[in-house]
Amino acid sequence: MSLRQNSRISIQVSLSGYSYLLEENGKTTHSGWLRADRLFTTQEFQRRYDEVEISLLTPKATLLPQHFFNPSSARQALAEVVALRDSDAVEYVDVPSLGAVMVYSNSIDESLSKVISQTVCDSDGNSVKVLPELYWLLQKMNDCDEYNKILASYMDGYLHLVIAQGKSLLLANVFEAVDFTTAQYFLFLALKNLQLNPEVSTIWFRTPLSNEQEMSLYRYFKAVEVI
């Protein structure tokens, strides 16, 4: 199949499945959340794209100022904020726009992200690196055109949350939340501590929202957007 111009796919993976957002020729397609057994029948994964992003919703991630980061102590730095097993592989990636480094582990007992990264390639046939959802939330901050930038993802009992004002990052964290009600509790607690008013703010979600979840957020926020 021939490659279309201006094609971009962003894929999110977790223990319970995956979703994708396809942008092509001015059109945007959201897949919704799909089970892993749909992988080999997803036609959108059978071709190449100009840009490919693959995110894993791992809770094992933290952000460090670049001038404090030492590669030799990456594991120790991550182990101070999340529970790591001896077998967990630890990696890191620069976030130059914030003068920071993200240290993370993709070891969450899943193989789907690796299969997808080997299946969905860019226009040159190259596979792309699987990076944490928290990393992509930080990258999407510039796509939010409001002063208060509140970006989140929720799946499989974890809320991934980034909050900024202008170009100043205020929070980047992952909270364990057994259900969406608990996730909202952590969200509003963070906003209260940072003295941000949700009534004048938009919240951007990267993971698909059910109608019930979206309406619940609309009770508090000026607007709810899925990006």
C-alpha atoms as a PDB file:
ATOM      1  CA  MET A   1       0.000   0.000   0.000  1.00  0.00           C
ATOM      2  CA  SER A   2       1.387   3.418  -0.891  1.00  0.00           C
ATOM      3  CA  LEU A   3       2.244   5.875   1.822  1.00  0.00           C
ATOM      4  CA  ARG A   4      -0.106   8.805   2.171  1.00  0.00           C
ATOM      5  CA  GLN A   5       1.283  12.244   2.872  1.00  0.00           C
ATOM      6  CA  ASN A   6       1.208  13.933   6.275  1.00  0.00           C
ATOM      7  CA  SER A   7       0.347  10.751   8.151  1.00  0.00           C
ATOM      8  CA  ARG A   8       0.864  10.432  11.883  1.00  0.00           C
ATOM      9  CA  ILE A   9      -0.201   7.758  14.358  1.00  0.00           C
ATOM     10  CA  SER A  10      -0.006   7.935  18.138  1.00  0.00           C
ATOM     11  CA  ILE A  11      -0.473   4.610  19.947  1.00  0.00           C
ATOM     12  CA  GLN A  12      -1.072   4.060  23.661  1.00  0.00           C
ATOM     13  CA  VAL A  13      -0.522   0.655  25.248  1.00  0.00           C
ATOM     14  CA  SER A  14      -1.336  -0.705  28.684  1.00  0.00           C
ATOM     15  CA  LEU A  15      -1.924  -4.046  30.344  1.00  0.00           C
ATOM     16  CA  SER A  16      -5.562  -4.112  29.217  1.00  0.00           C
ATOM     17  CA  GLY A  17      -5.058  -3.243  25.557  1.00  0.00           C
ATOM     18  CA  TYR A  18      -4.324  -0.286  23.322  1.00  0.00           C
ATOM     19  CA  SER A  19      -5.749   2.708  21.491  1.00  0.00           C
ATOM     20  CA  TYR A  20      -4.551   4.866  18.646  1.00  0.00           C
ATOM     21  CA  LEU A  21      -5.096   8.335  17.227  1.00  0.00           C
ATOM     22  CA  LEU A  22      -4.558   8.676  13.485  1.00  0.00           C
ATOM     23  CA  GLU A  23      -4.044  12.067  11.844  1.00  0.00           C
ATOM     24  CA  GLU A  24      -3.981  12.108   8.071  1.00  0.00           C
ATOM     25  CA  ASN A  25      -4.833  14.648   5.378  1.00  0.00           C
ATOM     26  CA  GLY A  26      -6.556  16.927   7.870  1.00  0.00           C
ATOM     27  CA  LYS A  27      -8.676  14.144   9.396  1.00  0.00           C
ATOM     28  CA  THR A  28      -8.378  12.696  12.897  1.00  0.00           C
ATOM     29  CA  THR A  29      -9.541   9.201  13.864  1.00  0.00           C
ATOM     30  CA  HIS A  30      -9.792   7.923  17.458  1.00  0.00           C
ATOM     31  CA  SER A  31      -9.962   4.148  17.844  1.00  0.00           C
ATOM     32  CA  GLY A  32     -11.305   3.979  21.366  1.00  0.00           C
ATOM     33  CA  TRP A  33      -9.847   1.368  23.719  1.00  0.00           C
ATOM     34  CA  LEU A  34      -9.233  -2.015  22.064  1.00  0.00           C
ATOM     35  CA  ARG A  35      -8.359  -5.416  23.505  1.00  0.00           C
ATOM     36  CA  ALA A  36      -4.998  -6.982  22.678  1.00  0.00           C
ATOM     37  CA  ASP A  37      -6.661  -9.704  20.586  1.00  0.00           C
ATOM     38  CA  ARG A  38      -7.624  -7.037  18.034  1.00  0.00           C
ATOM     39  CA  LEU A  39      -3.974  -6.283  17.259  1.00  0.00           C
ATOM     40  CA  PHE A  40      -3.506  -8.352  14.123  1.00  0.00           C
ATOM     41  CA  THR A  41      -6.823  -7.272  12.612  1.00  0.00           C
ATOM     42  CA  THR A  42      -6.142  -3.543  13.063  1.00  0.00           C
ATOM     43  CA  GLN A  43      -5.613  -2.469   9.458  1.00  0.00           C
ATOM     44  CA  GLU A  44      -4.063   0.830  10.524  1.00  0.00           C
ATOM     45  CA  PHE A  45      -1.095  -1.138  11.895  1.00  0.00           C
ATOM     46  CA  GLN A  46      -0.343  -2.768   8.530  1.00  0.00           C
ATOM     47  CA  ARG A  47       1.311   0.267   6.927  1.00  0.00           C
ATOM     48  CA  ARG A  48       3.938   2.944   7.489  1.00  0.00           C
ATOM     49  CA  TYR A  49       3.531   6.533   8.668  1.00  0.00           C
ATOM     50  CA  ASP A  50       5.465   9.779   8.445  1.00  0.00           C
ATOM     51  CA  GLU A  51       5.426   9.955  12.246  1.00  0.00           C
ATOM     52  CA  VAL A  52       4.907   7.187  14.788  1.00  0.00           C
ATOM     53  CA  GLU A  53       4.572   7.613  18.557  1.00  0.00           C
ATOM     54  CA  ILE A  54       4.193   4.655  20.895  1.00  0.00           C
ATOM     55  CA  SER A  55       3.385   5.230  24.554  1.00  0.00           C
ATOM     56  CA  LEU A  56       3.308   2.728  27.392  1.00  0.00           C
ATOM     57  CA  LEU A  57       1.183   3.625  30.396  1.00  0.00           C
ATOM     58  CA  THR A  58       3.843   2.612  32.883  1.00  0.00           C
ATOM     59  CA  PRO A  59       3.580   4.040  36.395  1.00  0.00           C
ATOM     60  CA  LYS A  60       7.348   3.627  36.777  1.00  0.00           C
ATOM     61  CA  ALA A  61       8.558   7.060  35.681  1.00  0.00           C
ATOM     62  CA  THR A  62       9.996  10.194  37.230  1.00  0.00           C
ATOM     63  CA  LEU A  63      11.388  13.506  36.004  1.00  0.00           C
ATOM     64  CA  LEU A  64      14.761  14.841  37.153  1.00  0.00           C
ATOM     65  CA  PRO A  65      16.496  18.178  36.492  1.00  0.00           C
ATOM     66  CA  GLN A  66      19.214  17.583  33.923  1.00  0.00           C
ATOM     67  CA  HIS A  67      21.962  19.099  36.058  1.00  0.00           C
ATOM     68  CA  PHE A  68      21.136  16.661  38.893  1.00  0.00           C
ATOM     69  CA  PHE A  69      21.038  13.571  36.690  1.00  0.00           C
ATOM     70  CA  ASN A  70      23.793  10.980  36.610  1.00  0.00           C
ATOM     71  CA  PRO A  71      23.248   7.985  34.302  1.00  0.00           C
ATOM     72  CA  SER A  72      25.052   5.685  36.710  1.00  0.00           C
ATOM     73  CA  SER A  73      22.478   6.422  39.424  1.00  0.00           C
ATOM     74  CA  ALA A  74      19.373   6.246  37.211  1.00  0.00           C
ATOM     75  CA  ARG A  75      18.068   3.064  38.842  1.00  0.00           C
ATOM     76  CA  GLN A  76      18.587   4.437  42.321  1.00  0.00           C
ATOM     77  CA  ALA A  77      16.776   7.672  41.415  1.00  0.00           C
ATOM     78  CA  LEU A  78      13.762   5.782  40.086  1.00  0.00           C
ATOM     79  CA  ALA A  79      13.749   3.332  43.000  1.00  0.00           C
ATOM     80  CA  GLU A  80      13.360   6.272  45.384  1.00  0.00           C
ATOM     81  CA  VAL A  81       9.909   7.102  43.993  1.00  0.00           C
ATOM     82  CA  VAL A  82       8.491   3.796  42.659  1.00  0.00           C
ATOM     83  CA  ALA A  83       8.737   0.125  43.605  1.00  0.00           C
ATOM     84  CA  LEU A  84      11.239  -1.603  41.342  1.00  0.00           C
ATOM     85  CA  ARG A  85      11.947  -5.314  41.025  1.00  0.00           C
ATOM     86  CA  ASP A  86      15.504  -6.528  40.525  1.00  0.00           C
ATOM     87  CA  SER A  87      14.525  -7.703  37.046  1.00  0.00           C
ATOM     88  CA  ASP A  88      13.086  -4.331  35.942  1.00  0.00           C
ATOM     89  CA  ALA A  89      15.031  -2.662  33.145  1.00  0.00           C
ATOM     90  CA  VAL A  90      15.606   1.058  33.744  1.00  0.00           C
ATOM     91  CA  GLU A  91      16.060   3.558  30.918  1.00  0.00           C
ATOM     92  CA  TYR A  92      16.080   7.314  30.518  1.00  0.00           C
ATOM     93  CA  VAL A  93      15.261   9.915  27.883  1.00  0.00           C
ATOM     94  CA  ASP A  94      16.100  13.608  27.637  1.00  0.00           C
ATOM     95  CA  VAL A  95      13.340  16.205  27.825  1.00  0.00           C
ATOM     96  CA  PRO A  96      15.361  19.193  26.566  1.00  0.00           C
ATOM     97  CA  SER A  97      12.420  21.603  26.465  1.00  0.00           C
ATOM     98  CA  LEU A  98      12.266  21.348  30.263  1.00  0.00           C
ATOM     99  CA  GLY A  99      15.988  20.939  30.921  1.00  0.00           C
ATOM    100  CA  ALA A 100      15.157  17.556  32.416  1.00  0.00           C
ATOM    101  CA  VAL A 101      15.616  13.808  32.065  1.00  0.00           C
ATOM    102  CA  MET A 102      12.869  11.222  32.459  1.00  0.00           C
ATOM    103  CA  VAL A 103      13.939   7.993  34.129  1.00  0.00           C
ATOM    104  CA  TYR A 104      11.549   5.090  33.621  1.00  0.00           C
ATOM    105  CA  SER A 105      10.974   1.363  33.410  1.00  0.00           C
ATOM    106  CA  ASN A 106       8.765  -0.314  30.816  1.00  0.00           C
ATOM    107  CA  SER A 107       8.854  -3.562  32.798  1.00  0.00           C
ATOM    108  CA  ILE A 108       5.166  -3.950  33.684  1.00  0.00           C
ATOM    109  CA  ASP A 109       4.662  -7.567  32.584  1.00  0.00           C
ATOM    110  CA  GLU A 110       3.342  -6.881  29.100  1.00  0.00           C
ATOM    111  CA  SER A 111       4.672  -7.615  25.630  1.00  0.00           C
ATOM    112  CA  LEU A 112       2.104  -5.789  23.507  1.00  0.00           C
ATOM    113  CA  SER A 113       4.129  -2.576  23.263  1.00  0.00           C
ATOM    114  CA  LYS A 114       7.140  -4.462  21.901  1.00  0.00           C
ATOM    115  CA  VAL A 115       5.011  -6.251  19.288  1.00  0.00           C
ATOM    116  CA  ILE A 116       3.441  -2.969  18.169  1.00  0.00           C
ATOM    117  CA  SER A 117       6.818  -1.213  17.971  1.00  0.00           C
ATOM    118  CA  GLN A 118       8.060  -3.980  15.672  1.00  0.00           C
ATOM    119  CA  THR A 119       4.881  -3.861  13.571  1.00  0.00           C
ATOM    120  CA  VAL A 120       4.161  -0.152  13.097  1.00  0.00           C
ATOM    121  CA  CYS A 121       7.109   1.585  11.424  1.00  0.00           C
ATOM    122  CA  ASP A 122       7.871   5.034  10.101  1.00  0.00           C
ATOM    123  CA  SER A 123       8.128   5.859   6.402  1.00  0.00           C
ATOM    124  CA  ASP A 124      11.751   4.640   6.333  1.00  0.00           C
ATOM    125  CA  GLY A 125      10.810   1.286   7.805  1.00  0.00           C
ATOM    126  CA  ASN A 126      12.319   2.075  11.214  1.00  0.00           C
ATOM    127  CA  SER A 127      10.724   0.968  14.464  1.00  0.00           C
ATOM    128  CA  VAL A 128      10.346   3.627  17.159  1.00  0.00           C
ATOM    129  CA  LYS A 129      11.208   3.594  20.828  1.00  0.00           C
ATOM    130  CA  VAL A 130       8.415   2.943  23.310  1.00  0.00           C
ATOM    131  CA  LEU A 131       8.322   5.813  25.807  1.00  0.00           C
ATOM    132  CA  PRO A 132       6.243   6.390  28.965  1.00  0.00           C
ATOM    133  CA  GLU A 133       2.857   8.061  28.774  1.00  0.00           C
ATOM    134  CA  LEU A 134       4.162  10.726  31.160  1.00  0.00           C
ATOM    135  CA  TYR A 135       6.783  11.671  28.554  1.00  0.00           C
ATOM    136  CA  TRP A 136       4.159  12.169  25.843  1.00  0.00           C
ATOM    137  CA  LEU A 137       1.949  14.217  28.152  1.00  0.00           C
ATOM    138  CA  LEU A 138       4.887  16.594  28.609  1.00  0.00           C
ATOM    139  CA  GLN A 139       5.426  16.746  24.849  1.00  0.00           C
ATOM    140  CA  LYS A 140       1.772  17.626  24.273  1.00  0.00           C
ATOM    141  CA  MET A 141       1.863  20.664  26.563  1.00  0.00           C
ATOM    142  CA  ASN A 142       2.729  22.937  23.639  1.00  0.00           C
ATOM    143  CA  ASP A 143      -0.402  21.783  21.817  1.00  0.00           C
ATOM    144  CA  CYS A 144      -2.552  23.287  24.575  1.00  0.00           C
ATOM    145  CA  ASP A 145      -3.281  26.911  23.754  1.00  0.00           C
ATOM    146  CA  GLU A 146      -4.413  28.020  27.224  1.00  0.00           C
ATOM    147  CA  TYR A 147      -2.326  29.379  30.083  1.00  0.00           C
ATOM    148  CA  ASN A 148      -3.450  26.631  32.464  1.00  0.00           C
ATOM    149  CA  LYS A 149      -2.336  23.338  30.925  1.00  0.00           C
ATOM    150  CA  ILE A 150      -3.865  20.253  32.519  1.00  0.00           C
ATOM    151  CA  LEU A 151      -3.167  16.987  30.700  1.00  0.00           C
ATOM    152  CA  ALA A 152      -4.066  13.522  31.896  1.00  0.00           C
ATOM    153  CA  SER A 153      -4.467   9.862  31.012  1.00  0.00           C
ATOM    154  CA  TYR A 154      -6.241   7.174  33.007  1.00  0.00           C
ATOM    155  CA  MET A 155      -6.171   3.426  32.503  1.00  0.00           C
ATOM    156  CA  ASP A 156      -5.703   0.257  34.537  1.00  0.00           C
ATOM    157  CA  GLY A 157      -5.757   1.959  37.910  1.00  0.00           C
ATOM    158  CA  TYR A 158      -3.286   4.777  37.267  1.00  0.00           C
ATOM    159  CA  LEU A 159      -3.755   8.490  36.649  1.00  0.00           C
ATOM    160  CA  HIS A 160      -0.927  10.056  34.632  1.00  0.00           C
ATOM    161  CA  LEU A 161      -1.027  13.815  35.225  1.00  0.00           C
ATOM    162  CA  VAL A 162       0.869  16.876  33.991  1.00  0.00           C
ATOM    163  CA  ILE A 163       0.021  20.427  35.063  1.00  0.00           C
ATOM    164  CA  ALA A 164       1.703  23.623  33.875  1.00  0.00           C
ATOM    165  CA  GLN A 165       1.110  27.351  33.694  1.00  0.00           C
ATOM    166  CA  GLY A 166       2.496  28.933  30.575  1.00  0.00           C
ATOM    167  CA  LYS A 167       5.898  27.331  30.102  1.00  0.00           C
ATOM    168  CA  SER A 168       6.340  26.544  33.808  1.00  0.00           C
ATOM    169  CA  LEU A 169       5.841  22.904  34.722  1.00  0.00           C
ATOM    170  CA  LEU A 170       4.122  22.560  38.091  1.00  0.00           C
ATOM    171  CA  LEU A 171       3.541  18.805  38.334  1.00  0.00           C
ATOM    172  CA  ALA A 172       4.333  15.596  36.472  1.00  0.00           C
ATOM    173  CA  ASN A 173       3.333  12.457  38.342  1.00  0.00           C
ATOM    174  CA  VAL A 174       1.516   9.127  38.253  1.00  0.00           C
ATOM    175  CA  PHE A 175      -1.077   8.349  40.936  1.00  0.00           C
ATOM    176  CA  GLU A 176      -2.450   4.924  41.795  1.00  0.00           C
ATOM    177  CA  ALA A 177      -6.230   5.219  41.532  1.00  0.00           C
ATOM    178  CA  VAL A 178      -8.406   2.130  41.691  1.00  0.00           C
ATOM    179  CA  ASP A 179     -11.257   3.792  39.760  1.00  0.00           C
ATOM    180  CA  PHE A 180     -12.047   7.003  37.905  1.00  0.00           C
ATOM    181  CA  THR A 181     -13.646   8.588  40.975  1.00  0.00           C
ATOM    182  CA  THR A 182     -10.374   8.143  42.854  1.00  0.00           C
ATOM    183  CA  ALA A 183      -8.470   9.502  39.859  1.00  0.00           C
ATOM    184  CA  GLN A 184     -10.624  12.640  39.996  1.00  0.00           C
ATOM    185  CA  TYR A 185      -9.866  12.970  43.712  1.00  0.00           C
ATOM    186  CA  PHE A 186      -6.116  13.110  42.997  1.00  0.00           C
ATOM    187  CA  LEU A 187      -6.728  15.474  40.091  1.00  0.00           C
ATOM    188  CA  PHE A 188      -8.696  17.985  42.154  1.00  0.00           C
ATOM    189  CA  LEU A 189      -6.342  17.645  45.114  1.00  0.00           C
ATOM    190  CA  ALA A 190      -3.424  18.574  42.854  1.00  0.00           C
ATOM    191  CA  LEU A 191      -5.330  21.537  41.409  1.00  0.00           C
ATOM    192  CA  LYS A 192      -6.255  22.735  44.894  1.00  0.00           C
ATOM    193  CA  ASN A 193      -2.653  22.503  46.114  1.00  0.00           C
ATOM    194  CA  LEU A 194      -1.489  24.449  43.057  1.00  0.00           C
ATOM    195  CA  GLN A 195      -4.341  26.970  43.464  1.00  0.00           C
ATOM    196  CA  LEU A 196      -5.741  26.388  39.982  1.00  0.00           C
ATOM    197  CA  ASN A 197      -9.438  26.840  39.291  1.00  0.00           C
ATOM    198  CA  PRO A 198     -10.890  24.040  37.110  1.00  0.00           C
ATOM    199  CA  GLU A 199     -13.944  26.165  36.285  1.00  0.00           C
ATOM    200  CA  VAL A 200     -11.818  28.429  34.072  1.00  0.00           C
ATOM    201  CA  SER A 201      -9.606  25.638  32.740  1.00  0.00           C
ATOM    202  CA  THR A 202      -9.717  23.010  30.006  1.00  0.00           C
ATOM    203  CA  ILE A 203      -8.542  19.485  30.741  1.00  0.00           C
ATOM    204  CA  TRP A 204      -6.960  17.476  27.936  1.00  0.00           C
ATOM    205  CA  PHE A 205      -7.118  13.666  28.057  1.00  0.00           C
ATOM    206  CA  ARG A 206      -4.998  11.375  25.882  1.00  0.00           C
ATOM    207  CA  THR A 207      -6.787   8.166  26.817  1.00  0.00           C
ATOM    208  CA  PRO A 208     -10.349   7.605  25.580  1.00  0.00           C
ATOM    209  CA  LEU A 209     -13.105   8.723  27.952  1.00  0.00           C
ATOM    210  CA  SER A 210     -16.460   7.049  28.414  1.00  0.00           C
ATOM    211  CA  ASN A 211     -19.530   9.270  28.195  1.00  0.00           C
ATOM    212  CA  GLU A 212     -19.951   8.969  31.960  1.00  0.00           C
ATOM    213  CA  GLN A 213     -16.336   9.988  32.626  1.00  0.00           C
ATOM    214  CA  GLU A 214     -16.558  12.922  30.234  1.00  0.00           C
ATOM    215  CA  MET A 215     -19.786  14.225  31.748  1.00  0.00           C
ATOM    216  CA  SER A 216     -18.334  13.893  35.236  1.00  0.00           C
ATOM    217  CA  LEU A 217     -15.385  16.096  34.237  1.00  0.00           C
ATOM    218  CA  TYR A 218     -17.673  18.620  32.540  1.00  0.00           C
ATOM    219  CA  ARG A 219     -19.272  19.282  35.921  1.00  0.00           C
ATOM    220  CA  TYR A 220     -16.045  20.905  37.061  1.00  0.00           C
ATOM    221  CA  PHE A 221     -14.060  22.051  34.010  1.00  0.00           C
ATOM    222  CA  LYS A 222     -14.741  24.729  31.436  1.00  0.00           C
ATOM    223  CA  ALA A 223     -14.066  22.176  28.688  1.00  0.00           C
ATOM    224  CA  VAL A 224     -12.891  18.585  28.193  1.00  0.00           C
ATOM    225  CA  GLU A 225     -10.779  17.695  25.155  1.00  0.00           C
ATOM    226  CA  VAL A 226      -9.381  14.377  23.927  1.00  0.00           C
ATOM    227  CA  ILE A 227      -6.040  14.755  22.134  1.00  0.00           C
END
